[in-house]
N, C-alpha and C. Protein backbone atom coordinates (compact mmCIF):
# COMPACT_ATOMS: atom_id res chain seq x y z
N MET A 1 153.34 -28.82 -207.94
CA MET A 1 153.86 -30.42 -208.88
C MET A 1 155.08 -30.41 -208.15
N ARG A 2 155.62 -31.40 -207.25
CA ARG A 2 156.99 -31.28 -207.17
C ARG A 2 157.69 -32.53 -207.41
N PHE A 3 158.26 -32.50 -208.84
CA PHE A 3 159.54 -33.66 -209.34
C PHE A 3 160.30 -34.40 -208.35
N ILE A 4 160.83 -33.37 -207.79
CA ILE A 4 162.02 -33.53 -206.77
C ILE A 4 161.72 -33.79 -205.20
N GLN A 5 161.89 -35.13 -205.10
CA GLN A 5 161.48 -35.69 -203.39
C GLN A 5 163.11 -35.80 -202.69
N LYS A 6 162.99 -35.99 -201.62
CA LYS A 6 164.09 -35.97 -200.71
C LYS A 6 163.91 -37.36 -200.00
N LEU A 7 165.07 -38.30 -200.39
CA LEU A 7 164.54 -39.63 -199.86
C LEU A 7 165.06 -40.01 -198.44
N PRO A 8 164.78 -41.02 -197.83
CA PRO A 8 165.26 -40.41 -196.44
C PRO A 8 166.56 -41.85 -196.22
N ARG A 9 166.99 -41.72 -195.02
CA ARG A 9 167.99 -42.88 -195.06
C ARG A 9 167.12 -44.03 -194.50
N LEU A 10 167.41 -44.80 -194.82
CA LEU A 10 166.02 -46.39 -194.86
C LEU A 10 167.17 -47.47 -193.83
N GLY A 11 167.08 -47.50 -192.62
CA GLY A 11 167.58 -49.22 -192.20
C GLY A 11 167.99 -50.10 -192.93
N VAL A 12 168.96 -50.65 -192.92
CA VAL A 12 169.12 -51.82 -193.73
C VAL A 12 168.94 -53.71 -193.40
N VAL A 13 168.63 -54.42 -193.64
CA VAL A 13 167.83 -55.62 -192.87
C VAL A 13 168.40 -56.63 -194.10
N LEU A 14 168.99 -57.45 -193.50
CA LEU A 14 168.69 -59.36 -194.45
C LEU A 14 167.23 -59.18 -194.69
N ARG A 15 166.85 -59.52 -195.70
CA ARG A 15 165.06 -60.08 -196.50
C ARG A 15 164.79 -60.96 -195.30
N HIS A 16 165.55 -62.25 -195.34
CA HIS A 16 164.91 -63.44 -195.07
C HIS A 16 164.78 -63.57 -193.36
N ASP A 17 166.00 -62.66 -193.07
CA ASP A 17 165.44 -62.95 -191.15
C ASP A 17 164.29 -62.07 -190.95
N TYR A 18 164.07 -60.88 -191.60
CA TYR A 18 163.24 -59.52 -191.55
C TYR A 18 161.83 -60.43 -191.72
N LEU A 19 161.57 -61.12 -192.65
CA LEU A 19 160.66 -61.91 -192.87
C LEU A 19 160.06 -63.27 -192.21
N THR A 20 161.39 -63.93 -191.34
CA THR A 20 160.74 -64.42 -190.58
C THR A 20 160.24 -63.91 -189.29
N ALA A 21 161.20 -63.04 -188.72
CA ALA A 21 160.85 -62.44 -187.71
C ALA A 21 159.26 -62.21 -187.54
N LYS A 22 158.94 -61.63 -188.60
CA LYS A 22 157.91 -60.86 -188.85
C LYS A 22 156.61 -61.94 -188.77
N CYS A 23 156.40 -62.80 -189.13
CA CYS A 23 156.37 -64.38 -189.58
C CYS A 23 155.85 -65.14 -188.46
N ALA A 24 157.35 -64.85 -186.94
CA ALA A 24 157.03 -65.93 -186.09
C ALA A 24 155.86 -66.01 -185.30
N GLY A 25 155.08 -67.24 -185.11
CA GLY A 25 154.20 -67.42 -184.34
C GLY A 25 152.48 -66.57 -184.73
N LYS A 26 152.77 -67.02 -186.15
CA LYS A 26 151.61 -65.96 -187.15
C LYS A 26 150.74 -66.62 -187.32
N ASN A 27 149.33 -66.34 -188.11
CA ASN A 27 148.97 -66.50 -189.19
C ASN A 27 149.32 -65.99 -190.54
N VAL A 28 149.53 -66.86 -191.57
CA VAL A 28 150.66 -66.18 -192.63
C VAL A 28 149.85 -66.49 -193.90
N LEU A 29 149.40 -65.21 -194.69
CA LEU A 29 148.98 -65.93 -196.26
C LEU A 29 150.64 -65.43 -197.11
N HIS A 30 150.93 -66.33 -197.56
CA HIS A 30 152.36 -65.88 -198.56
C HIS A 30 151.85 -66.49 -199.64
N LEU A 31 152.28 -64.94 -200.70
CA LEU A 31 151.58 -65.05 -201.60
C LEU A 31 152.48 -64.62 -202.74
N GLY A 32 153.10 -65.48 -203.95
CA GLY A 32 154.06 -65.84 -204.57
C GLY A 32 154.87 -66.88 -204.11
N ALA A 33 154.20 -68.27 -202.71
CA ALA A 33 155.12 -68.89 -202.53
C ALA A 33 155.86 -70.01 -202.99
N VAL A 34 155.94 -70.53 -204.36
CA VAL A 34 156.61 -70.50 -204.76
C VAL A 34 158.25 -70.63 -205.25
N ASP A 35 158.22 -69.29 -205.17
CA ASP A 35 159.32 -68.72 -205.48
C ASP A 35 160.13 -69.32 -206.64
N CYS A 36 161.09 -70.08 -206.14
CA CYS A 36 162.26 -70.31 -207.07
C CYS A 36 162.58 -72.17 -207.70
N CYS A 37 161.00 -72.67 -207.10
CA CYS A 37 161.05 -73.97 -206.92
C CYS A 37 161.36 -74.40 -208.91
N TYR A 38 161.32 -73.58 -209.83
CA TYR A 38 161.08 -74.02 -211.18
C TYR A 38 162.54 -74.31 -211.41
N CYS A 39 163.25 -73.64 -210.91
CA CYS A 39 164.54 -73.58 -210.98
C CYS A 39 165.23 -74.21 -209.76
N GLY A 40 164.81 -75.11 -209.45
CA GLY A 40 165.75 -75.97 -208.61
C GLY A 40 165.81 -75.51 -207.00
N VAL A 41 165.46 -74.57 -206.68
CA VAL A 41 165.93 -73.79 -205.60
C VAL A 41 165.09 -74.51 -204.23
N GLY A 42 163.69 -74.72 -204.87
CA GLY A 42 163.00 -75.34 -203.80
C GLY A 42 161.99 -74.12 -202.82
N CYS A 43 161.00 -73.65 -202.94
CA CYS A 43 160.75 -72.66 -201.92
C CYS A 43 161.28 -72.69 -200.97
N GLY A 44 162.86 -71.86 -200.47
CA GLY A 44 163.69 -71.52 -199.51
C GLY A 44 162.70 -70.57 -198.55
N LEU A 45 161.79 -69.48 -199.15
CA LEU A 45 161.60 -68.73 -198.10
C LEU A 45 160.20 -69.82 -197.91
N HIS A 46 159.51 -70.08 -198.03
CA HIS A 46 157.99 -70.66 -197.76
C HIS A 46 158.24 -71.61 -197.14
N LYS A 47 159.88 -72.30 -196.93
CA LYS A 47 160.10 -73.15 -196.15
C LYS A 47 160.30 -72.80 -194.71
N ARG A 48 161.18 -72.11 -194.72
CA ARG A 48 161.65 -70.90 -193.82
C ARG A 48 160.28 -70.40 -193.35
N LEU A 49 159.03 -69.81 -193.77
CA LEU A 49 158.00 -69.23 -192.82
C LEU A 49 157.02 -70.60 -192.90
N MET A 50 157.37 -71.61 -193.04
CA MET A 50 156.82 -72.58 -192.05
C MET A 50 157.20 -73.07 -190.94
N GLU A 51 158.32 -73.02 -190.85
CA GLU A 51 159.31 -73.53 -189.44
C GLU A 51 158.68 -72.36 -188.60
N VAL A 52 158.53 -71.37 -188.56
CA VAL A 52 158.30 -70.31 -187.45
C VAL A 52 156.85 -69.42 -187.51
N SER A 53 156.11 -69.87 -188.23
CA SER A 53 154.78 -69.18 -188.52
C SER A 53 153.47 -70.23 -187.39
N ASP A 54 152.48 -70.17 -186.93
CA ASP A 54 151.95 -70.81 -186.21
C ASP A 54 150.69 -71.81 -187.31
N HIS A 55 150.53 -70.84 -189.00
CA HIS A 55 149.67 -71.64 -189.36
C HIS A 55 150.12 -70.19 -190.77
N ILE A 56 150.29 -71.23 -192.02
CA ILE A 56 150.47 -70.79 -193.26
C ILE A 56 149.69 -71.47 -194.48
N ILE A 57 149.45 -70.48 -195.41
CA ILE A 57 148.90 -70.92 -196.92
C ILE A 57 149.47 -70.08 -197.80
N GLY A 58 150.31 -71.00 -198.74
CA GLY A 58 151.16 -70.22 -199.58
C GLY A 58 149.69 -70.33 -200.90
N LEU A 59 150.27 -69.10 -201.73
CA LEU A 59 149.44 -68.60 -203.27
C LEU A 59 150.70 -68.68 -204.15
N ASP A 60 149.83 -69.18 -205.45
CA ASP A 60 151.17 -69.16 -206.82
C ASP A 60 150.53 -69.14 -207.81
N ILE A 61 150.99 -68.74 -209.05
CA ILE A 61 150.36 -69.44 -210.11
C ILE A 61 150.97 -69.84 -210.87
N ASP A 62 151.54 -70.29 -210.31
CA ASP A 62 153.13 -71.50 -211.22
C ASP A 62 152.80 -72.82 -210.96
N ARG A 63 151.66 -73.69 -211.71
CA ARG A 63 150.98 -75.11 -211.72
C ARG A 63 152.41 -76.13 -211.74
N ASP A 64 152.79 -75.86 -211.92
CA ASP A 64 154.23 -76.61 -212.33
C ASP A 64 155.15 -76.67 -211.07
N GLY A 65 155.55 -75.43 -210.62
CA GLY A 65 155.68 -75.50 -209.31
C GLY A 65 155.17 -75.79 -207.68
N ILE A 66 153.87 -75.43 -208.12
CA ILE A 66 153.14 -76.01 -206.92
C ILE A 66 153.13 -77.75 -207.06
N ASP A 67 153.58 -78.55 -208.03
CA ASP A 67 153.14 -79.44 -208.12
C ASP A 67 154.75 -80.19 -207.78
N LYS A 68 155.50 -79.48 -207.74
CA LYS A 68 156.95 -80.33 -207.48
C LYS A 68 157.21 -79.83 -206.36
N ALA A 69 156.42 -78.68 -205.44
CA ALA A 69 156.47 -78.43 -204.42
C ALA A 69 155.41 -79.06 -203.56
N ARG A 70 154.60 -80.32 -203.75
CA ARG A 70 153.88 -81.11 -203.30
C ARG A 70 154.74 -82.54 -203.48
N SER A 71 155.66 -82.38 -204.73
CA SER A 71 156.10 -84.11 -204.59
C SER A 71 157.02 -83.90 -203.27
N GLU A 72 157.38 -82.53 -203.01
CA GLU A 72 159.08 -82.78 -201.84
C GLU A 72 157.94 -82.69 -200.61
N GLY A 73 156.53 -82.79 -200.79
CA GLY A 73 156.09 -82.68 -198.81
C GLY A 73 155.24 -81.23 -198.52
N ILE A 74 155.73 -80.44 -199.90
CA ILE A 74 154.90 -78.92 -199.02
C ILE A 74 153.73 -79.04 -199.68
N LEU A 75 152.39 -78.97 -198.81
CA LEU A 75 151.33 -79.69 -199.13
C LEU A 75 149.99 -78.08 -198.94
N ASN A 76 151.02 -77.24 -198.48
CA ASN A 76 149.93 -75.69 -198.08
C ASN A 76 150.01 -74.27 -198.96
N ILE A 77 150.60 -75.18 -200.32
CA ILE A 77 150.65 -74.13 -201.61
C ILE A 77 149.77 -74.25 -202.46
N GLN A 78 148.34 -73.65 -202.75
CA GLN A 78 147.62 -73.59 -203.60
C GLN A 78 147.47 -72.62 -205.01
N TYR A 79 146.96 -73.21 -205.75
CA TYR A 79 146.72 -72.06 -207.17
C TYR A 79 145.84 -70.61 -207.19
N GLY A 80 146.45 -69.53 -207.72
CA GLY A 80 145.97 -68.52 -207.29
C GLY A 80 146.30 -67.38 -208.05
N ASP A 81 146.05 -66.45 -208.78
CA ASP A 81 145.86 -65.45 -209.77
C ASP A 81 146.09 -64.43 -208.86
N LEU A 82 147.11 -63.60 -208.79
CA LEU A 82 147.14 -62.45 -207.80
C LEU A 82 146.58 -61.22 -208.35
N GLU A 83 145.65 -60.90 -209.63
CA GLU A 83 145.72 -60.22 -209.82
C GLU A 83 144.22 -60.41 -210.20
N ARG A 84 143.46 -61.51 -209.98
CA ARG A 84 142.10 -61.75 -209.80
C ARG A 84 142.01 -62.63 -208.53
N LEU A 85 142.28 -62.12 -207.35
CA LEU A 85 142.46 -62.92 -205.82
C LEU A 85 140.74 -62.69 -205.08
N ASP A 86 139.69 -62.03 -206.02
CA ASP A 86 138.23 -62.50 -205.51
C ASP A 86 137.69 -63.66 -206.18
N GLU A 87 138.62 -64.37 -207.00
CA GLU A 87 138.70 -66.03 -207.40
C GLU A 87 138.99 -66.87 -206.78
N VAL A 88 140.04 -66.39 -205.71
CA VAL A 88 140.52 -67.45 -204.98
C VAL A 88 139.98 -68.21 -203.83
N ASP A 89 140.00 -69.15 -203.76
CA ASP A 89 139.31 -70.18 -202.86
C ASP A 89 140.07 -69.95 -201.16
N ILE A 90 140.02 -69.01 -200.89
CA ILE A 90 140.60 -68.69 -199.31
C ILE A 90 139.77 -68.07 -198.52
N SER A 91 138.97 -68.24 -197.53
CA SER A 91 138.23 -67.37 -196.50
C SER A 91 139.55 -66.95 -195.11
N GLY A 92 138.96 -66.00 -194.92
CA GLY A 92 139.29 -65.51 -193.53
C GLY A 92 140.53 -64.52 -194.20
N GLU A 93 141.04 -64.41 -192.69
CA GLU A 93 141.65 -63.17 -192.57
C GLU A 93 143.14 -63.64 -192.11
N PHE A 94 143.84 -62.72 -191.86
CA PHE A 94 145.60 -63.09 -191.49
C PHE A 94 146.15 -62.17 -190.72
N ASP A 95 146.87 -62.54 -190.11
CA ASP A 95 148.22 -61.89 -188.90
C ASP A 95 149.44 -60.66 -190.19
N VAL A 96 149.71 -61.73 -190.79
CA VAL A 96 150.63 -61.29 -191.61
C VAL A 96 150.80 -61.62 -193.12
N ILE A 97 150.78 -61.10 -194.43
CA ILE A 97 150.56 -61.29 -195.67
C ILE A 97 152.01 -61.00 -196.36
N VAL A 98 152.35 -62.36 -196.31
CA VAL A 98 153.81 -61.54 -197.24
C VAL A 98 154.22 -62.01 -198.93
N ALA A 99 154.06 -60.44 -199.31
CA ALA A 99 153.90 -60.09 -200.76
C ALA A 99 155.25 -59.52 -201.23
N GLY A 100 156.27 -61.08 -201.35
CA GLY A 100 157.90 -60.59 -201.13
C GLY A 100 158.27 -60.89 -202.62
N GLU A 101 158.48 -59.94 -203.46
CA GLU A 101 159.47 -60.01 -204.81
C GLU A 101 158.02 -60.64 -205.57
N ILE A 102 156.73 -60.06 -205.42
CA ILE A 102 155.46 -60.30 -206.72
C ILE A 102 155.43 -58.98 -207.47
N ILE A 103 155.06 -57.96 -206.93
CA ILE A 103 154.90 -56.76 -207.59
C ILE A 103 155.24 -56.46 -208.97
N GLU A 104 156.62 -56.75 -208.96
CA GLU A 104 157.53 -56.42 -210.04
C GLU A 104 157.14 -57.35 -211.37
N HIS A 105 156.45 -58.38 -210.90
CA HIS A 105 156.40 -59.96 -212.00
C HIS A 105 154.47 -59.08 -212.64
N LEU A 106 154.01 -58.33 -211.22
CA LEU A 106 152.30 -57.98 -212.08
C LEU A 106 152.20 -57.00 -213.33
N SER A 107 151.68 -57.26 -214.05
CA SER A 107 150.87 -56.41 -215.62
C SER A 107 150.29 -55.19 -214.64
N ASN A 108 149.21 -55.46 -213.60
CA ASN A 108 148.07 -54.96 -213.06
C ASN A 108 148.21 -54.67 -211.27
N PRO A 109 149.13 -54.13 -210.78
CA PRO A 109 149.69 -54.04 -209.45
C PRO A 109 148.30 -53.69 -208.54
N GLY A 110 147.40 -52.66 -209.37
CA GLY A 110 146.45 -51.89 -208.56
C GLY A 110 145.68 -53.14 -208.49
N LEU A 111 145.30 -54.18 -209.56
CA LEU A 111 144.22 -54.77 -209.36
C LEU A 111 144.46 -56.31 -208.39
N PHE A 112 145.78 -56.14 -207.80
CA PHE A 112 146.37 -56.97 -206.85
C PHE A 112 146.09 -56.08 -205.52
N LEU A 113 146.36 -54.74 -205.27
CA LEU A 113 146.01 -54.30 -204.01
C LEU A 113 144.78 -53.72 -203.94
N ASP A 114 144.27 -53.54 -204.41
CA ASP A 114 142.43 -54.19 -204.30
C ASP A 114 141.98 -55.42 -203.73
N GLY A 115 142.58 -56.24 -205.06
CA GLY A 115 141.63 -57.40 -204.51
C GLY A 115 142.39 -58.24 -202.93
N VAL A 116 143.88 -57.70 -202.34
CA VAL A 116 144.39 -58.26 -201.47
C VAL A 116 143.66 -58.11 -199.85
N LYS A 117 142.64 -56.71 -199.49
CA LYS A 117 142.50 -56.30 -199.00
C LYS A 117 141.12 -56.86 -198.14
N ARG A 118 140.87 -58.04 -198.93
CA ARG A 118 139.38 -59.13 -197.94
C ARG A 118 140.18 -60.13 -197.29
N PHE A 119 141.69 -60.21 -197.14
CA PHE A 119 142.54 -60.78 -195.98
C PHE A 119 142.86 -60.04 -194.87
N PHE A 120 142.35 -58.84 -195.40
CA PHE A 120 143.07 -57.53 -194.10
C PHE A 120 142.01 -57.97 -192.70
N ALA A 121 142.17 -57.56 -191.41
CA ALA A 121 141.67 -57.56 -190.42
C ALA A 121 142.20 -56.41 -189.62
N PRO A 122 142.08 -55.13 -188.93
CA PRO A 122 142.52 -53.81 -188.43
C PRO A 122 144.07 -54.43 -188.39
N ASN A 123 144.05 -55.41 -188.04
CA ASN A 123 145.52 -55.53 -187.74
C ASN A 123 146.87 -56.09 -188.52
N THR A 124 146.18 -56.51 -189.53
CA THR A 124 146.91 -56.99 -190.32
C THR A 124 147.77 -56.52 -190.86
N GLU A 125 148.94 -57.03 -191.00
CA GLU A 125 150.52 -56.42 -191.66
C GLU A 125 150.91 -57.11 -193.06
N MET A 126 150.88 -56.32 -194.01
CA MET A 126 151.21 -56.91 -194.75
C MET A 126 152.99 -56.38 -195.41
N ILE A 127 153.92 -57.30 -195.88
CA ILE A 127 154.65 -56.85 -196.02
C ILE A 127 154.95 -57.00 -197.84
N VAL A 128 155.50 -56.01 -198.20
CA VAL A 128 155.80 -55.35 -199.37
C VAL A 128 157.39 -55.64 -199.77
N THR A 129 158.45 -56.67 -200.50
CA THR A 129 159.46 -56.44 -201.42
C THR A 129 159.49 -56.85 -202.34
N THR A 130 160.26 -55.82 -202.82
CA THR A 130 160.55 -56.09 -204.28
C THR A 130 162.30 -55.34 -204.66
N PRO A 131 163.09 -55.13 -205.51
CA PRO A 131 164.06 -54.72 -206.05
C PRO A 131 163.74 -53.61 -206.09
N ASP A 132 165.09 -52.55 -205.90
CA ASP A 132 165.06 -51.53 -205.98
C ASP A 132 165.97 -51.00 -207.31
N ALA A 133 164.53 -50.17 -207.71
CA ALA A 133 164.99 -49.91 -209.66
C ALA A 133 166.87 -49.12 -209.31
N PHE A 134 167.24 -48.61 -208.29
CA PHE A 134 168.26 -47.70 -208.42
C PHE A 134 169.50 -48.37 -207.57
N SER A 135 168.79 -49.49 -207.19
CA SER A 135 170.51 -50.51 -206.47
C SER A 135 171.74 -49.84 -207.37
N LEU A 136 172.58 -49.84 -206.43
CA LEU A 136 173.78 -49.35 -207.74
C LEU A 136 174.27 -50.36 -208.57
N HIS A 137 174.53 -51.90 -207.70
CA HIS A 137 174.58 -52.65 -208.54
C HIS A 137 174.43 -53.23 -210.11
N ARG A 138 172.98 -52.43 -209.90
CA ARG A 138 172.30 -52.49 -211.68
C ARG A 138 172.89 -51.76 -212.49
N PHE A 139 173.73 -50.30 -211.73
CA PHE A 139 173.82 -49.22 -212.49
C PHE A 139 175.30 -49.70 -213.43
N PHE A 140 175.72 -50.52 -212.30
CA PHE A 140 177.07 -51.19 -212.71
C PHE A 140 177.22 -51.84 -213.90
N LEU A 141 176.36 -53.01 -213.66
CA LEU A 141 176.15 -53.89 -214.65
C LEU A 141 175.76 -53.31 -216.53
N ALA A 142 174.93 -52.37 -216.00
CA ALA A 142 174.29 -51.93 -217.25
C ALA A 142 175.43 -50.76 -218.09
N LEU A 143 176.20 -50.33 -216.85
CA LEU A 143 177.51 -49.50 -217.74
C LEU A 143 178.34 -50.91 -218.40
N ARG A 144 178.26 -52.04 -217.94
CA ARG A 144 179.25 -52.97 -219.15
C ARG A 144 177.84 -53.62 -220.14
N GLY A 145 176.87 -53.07 -220.03
CA GLY A 145 175.98 -53.69 -221.39
C GLY A 145 174.90 -54.84 -220.88
N ILE A 146 175.23 -54.75 -219.55
CA ILE A 146 174.09 -56.19 -218.73
C ILE A 146 172.91 -55.75 -218.31
N GLU A 147 171.76 -56.37 -218.15
CA GLU A 147 171.11 -55.73 -217.30
C GLU A 147 170.44 -57.09 -216.72
N TYR A 148 170.62 -57.32 -214.97
CA TYR A 148 170.50 -58.26 -214.33
C TYR A 148 169.34 -58.19 -213.97
N VAL A 149 168.10 -59.23 -214.53
CA VAL A 149 166.78 -59.20 -214.09
C VAL A 149 166.09 -60.44 -214.01
N HIS A 150 164.90 -60.79 -213.78
CA HIS A 150 164.25 -61.98 -213.72
C HIS A 150 163.45 -61.88 -215.04
N PRO A 151 163.38 -63.24 -215.41
CA PRO A 151 162.84 -63.17 -217.35
C PRO A 151 161.62 -62.65 -217.00
N ASP A 152 160.82 -62.90 -215.97
CA ASP A 152 159.33 -62.57 -215.34
C ASP A 152 159.00 -61.39 -215.43
N HIS A 153 160.05 -60.33 -214.93
CA HIS A 153 159.68 -59.21 -214.34
C HIS A 153 158.99 -58.01 -215.23
N VAL A 154 158.31 -57.32 -214.87
CA VAL A 154 157.63 -56.49 -215.87
C VAL A 154 157.99 -55.04 -215.52
N CYS A 155 158.66 -54.68 -214.50
CA CYS A 155 158.80 -53.61 -214.52
C CYS A 155 159.60 -53.71 -213.01
N TYR A 156 159.94 -52.27 -212.69
CA TYR A 156 160.90 -52.00 -211.26
C TYR A 156 160.41 -50.76 -210.63
N TYR A 157 160.12 -50.67 -209.21
CA TYR A 157 159.96 -49.58 -208.43
C TYR A 157 160.80 -48.95 -207.74
N SER A 158 160.93 -47.65 -207.45
CA SER A 158 161.91 -47.07 -206.50
C SER A 158 161.13 -46.78 -205.04
N TYR A 159 162.04 -46.11 -204.32
CA TYR A 159 161.09 -45.87 -203.09
C TYR A 159 159.79 -45.39 -203.25
N ILE A 160 160.35 -44.17 -203.99
CA ILE A 160 158.75 -42.99 -204.31
C ILE A 160 157.83 -43.25 -204.71
N THR A 161 158.05 -44.25 -205.87
CA THR A 161 157.11 -44.75 -206.89
C THR A 161 156.01 -45.85 -205.99
N LEU A 162 156.91 -46.82 -205.56
CA LEU A 162 156.33 -47.91 -204.97
C LEU A 162 155.34 -47.28 -202.96
N LYS A 163 155.58 -46.24 -202.63
CA LYS A 163 155.55 -46.24 -201.81
C LYS A 163 153.97 -45.23 -202.22
N HIS A 164 154.27 -44.48 -203.41
CA HIS A 164 152.93 -43.34 -203.53
C HIS A 164 151.65 -44.86 -204.39
N LEU A 165 152.27 -45.69 -204.35
CA LEU A 165 151.68 -46.90 -205.66
C LEU A 165 150.70 -47.45 -204.44
N LEU A 166 151.25 -47.67 -202.88
CA LEU A 166 150.85 -48.39 -201.49
C LEU A 166 149.72 -47.31 -201.06
N VAL A 167 149.69 -45.73 -201.21
CA VAL A 167 149.03 -45.08 -200.15
C VAL A 167 148.19 -45.00 -200.95
N SER A 168 148.17 -44.39 -202.72
CA SER A 168 146.98 -44.47 -203.63
C SER A 168 146.20 -45.28 -203.35
N HIS A 169 146.62 -46.70 -203.24
CA HIS A 169 144.86 -47.59 -202.65
C HIS A 169 144.68 -48.14 -201.43
N GLY A 170 145.09 -46.63 -200.60
CA GLY A 170 144.21 -46.91 -199.38
C GLY A 170 145.75 -47.61 -197.99
N PHE A 171 146.85 -47.85 -198.28
CA PHE A 171 147.54 -48.37 -197.38
C PHE A 171 148.31 -47.56 -196.49
N GLU A 172 148.11 -47.60 -195.18
CA GLU A 172 148.76 -46.96 -194.65
C GLU A 172 150.42 -47.52 -194.05
N ILE A 173 151.68 -46.45 -194.16
CA ILE A 173 153.26 -47.14 -194.19
C ILE A 173 153.66 -47.06 -192.77
N ASN A 174 153.59 -48.51 -192.44
CA ASN A 174 153.80 -48.76 -190.52
C ASN A 174 155.84 -48.53 -191.03
N GLU A 175 155.85 -49.18 -191.74
CA GLU A 175 158.28 -49.15 -191.37
C GLU A 175 158.07 -49.30 -193.49
N GLU A 176 159.51 -48.88 -193.09
CA GLU A 176 160.44 -49.24 -194.46
C GLU A 176 161.89 -49.11 -194.47
N ARG A 177 162.44 -50.00 -194.98
CA ARG A 177 163.56 -51.11 -194.81
C ARG A 177 164.35 -51.02 -196.46
N ALA A 178 165.36 -50.47 -196.26
CA ALA A 178 165.90 -51.22 -197.09
C ALA A 178 166.74 -53.22 -196.71
N TYR A 179 166.43 -53.88 -197.53
CA TYR A 179 167.14 -55.16 -197.85
C TYR A 179 168.30 -55.59 -198.29
N LEU A 180 168.95 -56.76 -197.78
CA LEU A 180 170.41 -57.46 -198.45
C LEU A 180 170.05 -58.76 -198.42
N LEU A 181 170.40 -59.24 -199.41
CA LEU A 181 169.79 -60.78 -199.67
C LEU A 181 171.55 -61.62 -198.80
N GLU A 182 171.34 -62.79 -198.54
CA GLU A 182 172.44 -63.46 -198.35
C GLU A 182 173.71 -63.53 -199.51
N GLY A 183 174.57 -63.54 -198.93
CA GLY A 183 175.49 -63.95 -200.00
C GLY A 183 177.31 -63.15 -199.15
N ARG A 184 177.70 -63.21 -200.07
CA ARG A 184 179.18 -62.95 -199.60
C ARG A 184 179.65 -61.35 -199.42
N LEU A 185 180.60 -60.92 -198.75
CA LEU A 185 181.24 -59.81 -198.26
C LEU A 185 179.96 -58.66 -197.51
N MET A 186 179.44 -59.81 -196.53
CA MET A 186 177.89 -59.33 -195.78
C MET A 186 178.48 -58.24 -195.16
N ASN A 187 179.70 -58.04 -194.10
CA ASN A 187 179.77 -57.03 -193.55
C ASN A 187 180.00 -55.78 -194.19
N LEU A 188 180.75 -55.62 -194.75
CA LEU A 188 180.93 -54.95 -196.16
C LEU A 188 179.73 -54.10 -196.76
N ARG A 189 178.66 -55.26 -196.96
CA ARG A 189 177.52 -54.42 -197.46
C ARG A 189 176.74 -54.27 -196.98
N LYS A 190 176.64 -54.26 -195.81
CA LYS A 190 175.65 -53.88 -194.40
C LYS A 190 176.13 -52.43 -194.10
N LEU A 191 177.50 -52.11 -194.13
CA LEU A 191 178.22 -50.89 -193.87
C LEU A 191 177.96 -49.70 -195.18
N LEU A 192 178.07 -50.23 -196.41
CA LEU A 192 177.51 -49.34 -197.05
C LEU A 192 176.28 -49.19 -197.64
N GLY A 193 175.09 -50.31 -196.69
CA GLY A 193 174.19 -49.90 -196.92
C GLY A 193 173.69 -48.83 -195.48
N ARG A 194 174.40 -48.57 -195.07
CA ARG A 194 174.07 -48.06 -194.04
C ARG A 194 174.24 -45.99 -194.70
N VAL A 195 175.21 -46.50 -195.22
CA VAL A 195 175.40 -44.59 -196.27
C VAL A 195 174.82 -44.45 -196.62
N ASN A 196 173.97 -45.56 -197.88
CA ASN A 196 172.98 -45.12 -198.60
C ASN A 196 172.01 -46.11 -199.25
N PHE A 197 171.17 -46.31 -198.75
CA PHE A 197 170.43 -47.54 -199.43
C PHE A 197 170.35 -48.43 -200.44
N HIS A 198 170.80 -47.12 -201.27
CA HIS A 198 170.87 -48.21 -202.88
C HIS A 198 171.99 -48.60 -203.03
N PHE A 199 173.18 -48.80 -201.92
CA PHE A 199 174.24 -50.06 -202.09
C PHE A 199 173.67 -51.56 -201.56
N ALA A 200 172.44 -51.33 -200.98
CA ALA A 200 171.68 -52.61 -200.74
C ALA A 200 171.02 -53.15 -202.35
N ASN A 201 169.57 -54.54 -201.71
CA ASN A 201 169.40 -54.83 -203.01
C ASN A 201 167.76 -54.74 -203.71
N GLY A 202 167.29 -54.62 -202.13
CA GLY A 202 165.65 -54.44 -202.51
C GLY A 202 165.07 -53.36 -201.38
N LEU A 203 163.71 -53.01 -201.45
CA LEU A 203 163.25 -52.18 -200.38
C LEU A 203 161.91 -53.39 -199.90
N ILE A 204 161.58 -52.64 -198.56
CA ILE A 204 160.38 -53.41 -197.74
C ILE A 204 159.07 -52.24 -197.38
N PHE A 205 158.57 -52.52 -197.45
CA PHE A 205 157.07 -51.68 -196.69
C PHE A 205 156.32 -52.55 -196.15
N ALA A 206 156.58 -52.16 -194.92
CA ALA A 206 155.29 -53.40 -194.40
C ALA A 206 153.76 -51.92 -193.98
N VAL A 207 153.08 -52.93 -194.27
CA VAL A 207 151.55 -51.31 -194.90
C VAL A 207 150.40 -51.93 -194.03
N LYS A 208 149.56 -51.25 -193.45
CA LYS A 208 148.25 -52.02 -192.90
C LYS A 208 147.33 -51.28 -193.50
N TYR A 209 145.96 -51.98 -194.33
CA TYR A 209 145.27 -51.30 -194.96
C TYR A 209 143.97 -49.84 -194.22
N GLU A 210 143.93 -49.11 -194.08
CA GLU A 210 143.11 -48.55 -193.83
C GLU A 210 141.15 -48.53 -193.29
N GLY A 211 141.35 -49.30 -194.44
CA GLY A 211 139.58 -49.27 -194.54
C GLY A 211 139.24 -51.03 -194.18
N ALA A 212 140.22 -51.59 -193.46
CA ALA A 212 140.41 -52.84 -192.90
C ALA A 212 138.46 -52.79 -191.83
N VAL A 213 137.65 -53.72 -192.34
CA VAL A 213 136.77 -54.04 -191.16
C VAL A 213 136.63 -54.57 -190.13
N ILE A 214 136.33 -53.84 -189.06
CA ILE A 214 136.64 -54.17 -187.61
C ILE A 214 135.84 -54.91 -187.04
């Protein structure tokens, strides 16, 4: 059993740009679509995906956020528990499934990964993004006695642990990236990210399901 594993050099992308490019002209299922509606930001990623996708359905457990989105004219997000996807009233398969910044919110990620398979065709691609447990800015803050963390997060994932979780549930890794969030000093942050992906904010895995029925 190997406890020491060598990390790859990951290419660094802007998270929203990467996701919109993946969803352009596609039939999309967007999981966790409410995003930050509750804090007043207003479904920023979902709005971008609506602009580029051919068709999109959003799913979220935040009923208040869904109501807020509907009050703003976003009518394609419905309620659903990602750990109980067998109960969700959505049928069919999708070209792209966006699972952006959700897996770190789930107490039972295996239930989600098994349940989401019902939406896969052989060519379906799921994009999983999550904050990097070893992102250096988290360590710098921790040294100051601060933890920067979403109040609903229940875990962190590293490159190795997330890859192992996905593969152990039957998913094939198509693409691996690190991502940057939009903000200041972008050129410097891109340069540092090329040196070591832990200078970036998070991880992206694009996967397919090996057992999808033709």
